[in-house]
Protein backbone atom coordinates (compact mmCIF):
# COMPACT_ATOMS: atom_id res chain seq x y z
CA MET A 1 0.06 -0.01 0.01
CA GLN A 2 1.36 3.53 -0.76
CA LEU A 3 -0.11 7.13 -0.63
CA VAL A 4 -0.30 9.00 -3.82
CA VAL A 5 -0.39 12.70 -3.85
CA ASN A 6 -3.50 14.15 -5.59
CA HIS A 7 -2.58 17.39 -7.10
CA GLN A 8 -6.08 18.19 -8.16
CA ARG A 9 -7.92 20.56 -5.93
CA VAL A 10 -11.28 19.08 -4.44
CA SER A 11 -14.03 21.60 -3.43
CA HIS A 12 -15.91 21.06 -0.02
CA ARG A 13 -18.82 20.40 -2.27
CA GLU A 14 -17.14 17.51 -3.80
CA ARG A 15 -15.86 16.33 -0.43
CA VAL A 16 -19.61 16.17 0.78
CA ALA A 17 -20.53 14.27 -2.13
CA LEU A 18 -17.75 11.74 -1.81
CA ALA A 19 -18.36 11.24 1.86
CA LEU A 20 -22.03 10.55 1.19
CA ALA A 21 -21.25 8.06 -1.41
CA HIS A 22 -18.69 6.32 0.73
CA GLY A 23 -20.87 6.19 3.85
CA GLY A 24 -24.16 5.36 2.11
CA GLY A 25 -25.73 8.74 2.71
CA VAL A 26 -23.84 9.83 5.91
CA GLY A 27 -20.25 10.79 6.48
CA GLN A 28 -17.58 13.32 7.65
CA ILE A 29 -15.22 15.79 6.16
CA GLN A 30 -12.89 18.40 7.27
CA ILE A 31 -13.16 22.11 6.41
CA ALA A 32 -9.92 24.00 7.17
CA GLY A 33 -8.91 21.40 9.64
CA VAL A 34 -12.24 21.35 11.52
CA TRP A 35 -14.46 18.05 11.48
CA ALA A 36 -18.00 18.45 9.95
CA SER A 37 -20.65 15.63 9.61
CA VAL A 38 -22.84 15.52 6.56
CA CYS A 39 -26.16 13.60 5.93
CA GLY A 40 -28.19 13.18 2.97
CA GLY A 41 -31.86 12.21 2.38
CA VAL A 42 -33.07 15.38 4.08
CA PRO A 43 -36.32 16.55 2.47
CA PRO A 44 -35.55 19.37 0.16
CA ASP A 45 -37.59 22.60 -0.13
CA GLN A 46 -39.08 22.26 3.44
CA ASP A 47 -38.75 24.77 6.39
CA LEU A 48 -37.39 22.22 8.95
CA PRO A 49 -37.39 23.43 12.53
CA VAL A 50 -34.21 23.32 14.57
CA PHE A 51 -34.23 22.76 18.18
CA ALA A 52 -31.59 22.92 21.19
CA GLU A 53 -31.96 21.14 24.55
CA PRO A 54 -30.07 22.95 27.39
CA MET A 55 -28.00 21.05 30.04
CA PRO A 56 -29.74 20.41 33.28
CA PRO A 57 -28.72 22.39 36.37
CA GLY A 58 -25.26 21.33 37.46
CA PRO A 59 -21.65 22.32 36.42
CA ASP A 60 -22.47 22.37 32.74
CA GLN A 61 -25.48 24.58 33.05
CA GLY A 62 -25.63 27.44 30.44
CA ARG A 63 -24.37 25.03 27.71
CA TRP A 64 -26.40 23.05 25.11
CA ARG A 65 -26.91 19.27 25.56
CA ARG A 66 -27.95 18.64 21.98
CA ILE A 67 -28.98 20.63 18.97
CA TYR A 68 -31.00 18.82 16.12
CA VAL A 69 -33.05 19.20 13.00
CA GLU A 70 -36.68 17.75 13.26
CA ILE A 71 -37.58 16.11 9.88
CA ASP A 72 -40.66 14.35 11.11
CA ALA A 73 -42.35 15.48 14.38
CA ASP A 74 -44.84 12.45 14.38
CA ALA A 75 -42.16 9.69 13.76
CA LYS A 76 -40.70 7.83 16.74
CA VAL A 77 -37.08 7.18 17.04
CA ALA A 78 -36.26 3.59 16.32
CA SER A 79 -32.39 3.81 17.02
CA SER A 80 -29.48 6.25 17.30
CA GLU A 81 -26.10 5.92 15.58
CA ILE A 82 -23.06 8.18 15.54
CA ILE A 83 -22.10 9.03 12.19
CA GLY A 84 -19.31 11.68 12.88
CA TRP A 85 -18.28 14.56 14.78
CA ALA A 86 -18.74 18.28 14.48
CA GLY A 87 -16.03 20.58 15.72
CA VAL A 88 -16.52 24.10 16.79
CA ASP A 89 -14.25 26.89 15.85
CA TRP A 90 -14.74 30.53 16.51
CA ALA A 91 -17.66 29.61 18.84
CA ARG A 92 -19.97 28.62 16.00
CA LEU A 93 -22.01 25.54 15.44
CA MET A 94 -23.86 25.53 12.07
CA PHE A 95 -26.71 23.47 10.38
CA ALA A 96 -26.47 24.45 6.61
CA ASP A 97 -27.79 23.12 3.24
CA VAL A 98 -24.57 22.50 1.52
CA ASP A 99 -25.72 23.85 -1.58
CA ALA A 100 -26.69 27.14 0.18
CA LEU A 101 -23.07 27.60 1.21
CA GLY A 102 -22.28 28.38 -2.19
CA ASP A 103 -24.06 31.58 -1.72
CA TRP A 104 -22.56 32.33 1.61
CA ARG A 105 -20.52 35.57 1.85
CA HIS A 106 -18.80 35.62 5.24
CA ASN A 107 -16.84 38.84 5.01
CA VAL A 108 -18.10 40.73 2.16
CA ALA A 109 -20.41 43.64 2.87
CA LEU A 110 -23.59 42.89 1.15
CA ASP A 111 -24.70 46.64 1.26
CA GLY A 112 -21.42 48.18 1.44
CA ARG A 113 -21.45 49.04 5.07
CA ALA A 114 -20.04 47.82 8.31
CA ASP A 115 -19.68 48.29 12.01
CA CYS A 116 -16.62 48.79 14.12
CA VAL A 117 -16.81 47.76 17.63
CA PHE A 118 -14.25 47.49 20.51
CA TRP A 119 -14.04 46.70 24.10
CA GLY A 120 -11.56 45.88 26.79
CA ARG A 121 -9.74 47.12 29.62
CA ASP A 122 -9.12 50.65 28.20
CA GLU A 123 -12.40 50.84 26.24
CA GLU A 124 -13.62 54.01 28.15
CA PRO A 125 -10.52 56.20 27.64
CA VAL A 126 -10.18 55.05 23.91
CA ALA A 127 -13.85 56.00 23.37
CA GLN A 128 -13.51 59.28 25.07
CA ALA A 129 -10.37 59.97 22.87
CA LEU A 130 -12.16 58.99 19.67
CA GLU A 131 -15.59 60.08 20.61
CA ALA A 132 -17.06 56.80 20.11
CA PRO A 133 -20.55 56.13 21.33
CA ARG A 134 -21.47 53.33 23.84
CA LEU A 135 -23.07 50.38 22.21
CA ASP A 136 -24.91 47.32 23.92
CA HIS A 137 -21.62 45.56 24.06
CA GLY A 138 -18.54 47.84 24.14
CA PHE A 139 -18.09 51.14 22.13
CA GLY A 140 -17.91 51.89 18.41
CA TRP A 141 -19.87 52.83 15.32
CA LEU A 142 -22.63 51.08 13.51
CA ASN A 143 -23.61 51.22 9.66
CA LEU A 144 -20.63 53.08 8.35
CA ALA A 145 -19.66 53.14 4.81
CA ILE A 146 -17.11 50.22 4.40
CA GLY A 147 -14.10 52.48 3.73
CA HIS A 148 -14.93 54.74 6.63
CA ALA A 149 -15.32 51.63 9.06
CA GLN A 150 -11.89 50.41 8.02
CA GLU A 151 -10.32 53.92 8.71
CA ARG A 152 -12.00 53.57 12.20
CA VAL A 153 -10.31 50.11 12.61
CA SER A 154 -6.95 51.56 11.72
CA THR A 155 -7.39 54.47 14.27
CA ILE A 156 -8.12 51.85 17.07
CA GLU A 157 -5.30 49.79 16.06
CA ASP A 158 -2.93 52.74 16.38
CA ALA A 159 -4.23 53.20 19.82
CA ARG A 160 -3.25 49.65 20.62
CA MET A 161 0.21 50.27 19.47
CA ASN A 162 0.40 52.98 21.78
CA GLY A 163 -0.39 50.71 24.64
CA TRP A 164 -4.08 50.73 25.02
CA LYS A 165 -5.71 47.39 25.66
CA VAL A 166 -8.85 46.78 23.63
CA ALA A 167 -10.26 44.12 21.32
CA ILE A 168 -11.47 45.26 17.84
CA ASP A 169 -14.22 43.62 15.89
CA PHE A 170 -14.77 44.72 12.26
CA ARG A 171 -18.08 43.67 11.14
CA PRO A 172 -18.90 43.99 7.34
CA HIS A 173 -22.73 43.53 6.80
CA SER A 174 -22.19 40.08 5.42
CA HIS A 175 -24.42 37.03 5.85
CA HIS A 176 -22.18 36.20 8.86
CA TRP A 177 -23.14 39.64 10.46
CA GLN A 178 -26.78 38.95 9.60
CA LEU A 179 -26.62 35.69 11.71
CA MET A 180 -24.71 37.14 14.43
CA GLN A 181 -27.16 40.04 14.66
CA GLN A 182 -29.76 37.53 15.59
CA VAL A 183 -27.41 35.40 17.97
CA ARG A 184 -26.47 38.38 20.09
CA ALA A 185 -30.11 39.49 20.37
CA SER A 186 -31.45 36.04 21.10
CA THR A 187 -31.79 34.50 24.48
CA SER A 188 -31.06 31.19 22.86
CA GLU A 189 -28.09 32.61 21.02
CA SER A 190 -29.32 31.41 17.74
CA GLY A 191 -30.31 32.68 14.31
CA THR A 192 -31.58 31.65 10.68
CA VAL A 193 -30.34 33.07 7.41
CA GLU A 194 -31.88 32.17 4.03
CA LEU A 195 -29.58 32.15 1.06
CA GLY A 196 -30.96 31.68 -2.42
CA VAL A 197 -34.47 30.11 -2.95
CA SER A 198 -35.46 27.70 -0.22
CA LYS A 199 -32.04 27.42 1.27
CA ARG A 200 -31.20 27.94 4.96
CA VAL A 201 -28.39 28.19 7.38
CA ASP A 202 -29.05 27.86 11.09
CA SER A 203 -26.53 28.75 13.80
């Protein structure tokens, strides 16, 4: 047995198809080194609800015990089987239609605008120096033209170079921003974004 280097690039969409074919409808892939599970046979063009069950009172209270998509509310579970793992990077766990991800714009401002938010040990003196308004979480500016927002980020980065301790979050009005707007405002820390026609991403 020997390993042969495949010099042809394989898209994530093709990886999903290969995993489903190899696993008979289920499988596992890696995306940028993070594990993701894939499952076929989900009814298309249906608005499937997503549920989350919290951990009971105890040391893990405040975390989620399980998150799942309900395909048939009237069906009974006959058996359970582990088909793979889902890694969480950047504190996100997502259910997505794999074809919808082709329309996903993670860091591209869909309306040409962005938010610039900062917080941390020196947030108040930095905000005072830059005349930045207070927001729900930290300080900064919302709904700026993309170029103006980038200038604000550069200004705050200059303040950090001078010893100020703040974290910066540059938020283009992308699909990720749309989702995180809901996550930050929701008690369940969740949200849904529709991409294209009858395509959905839940986080």
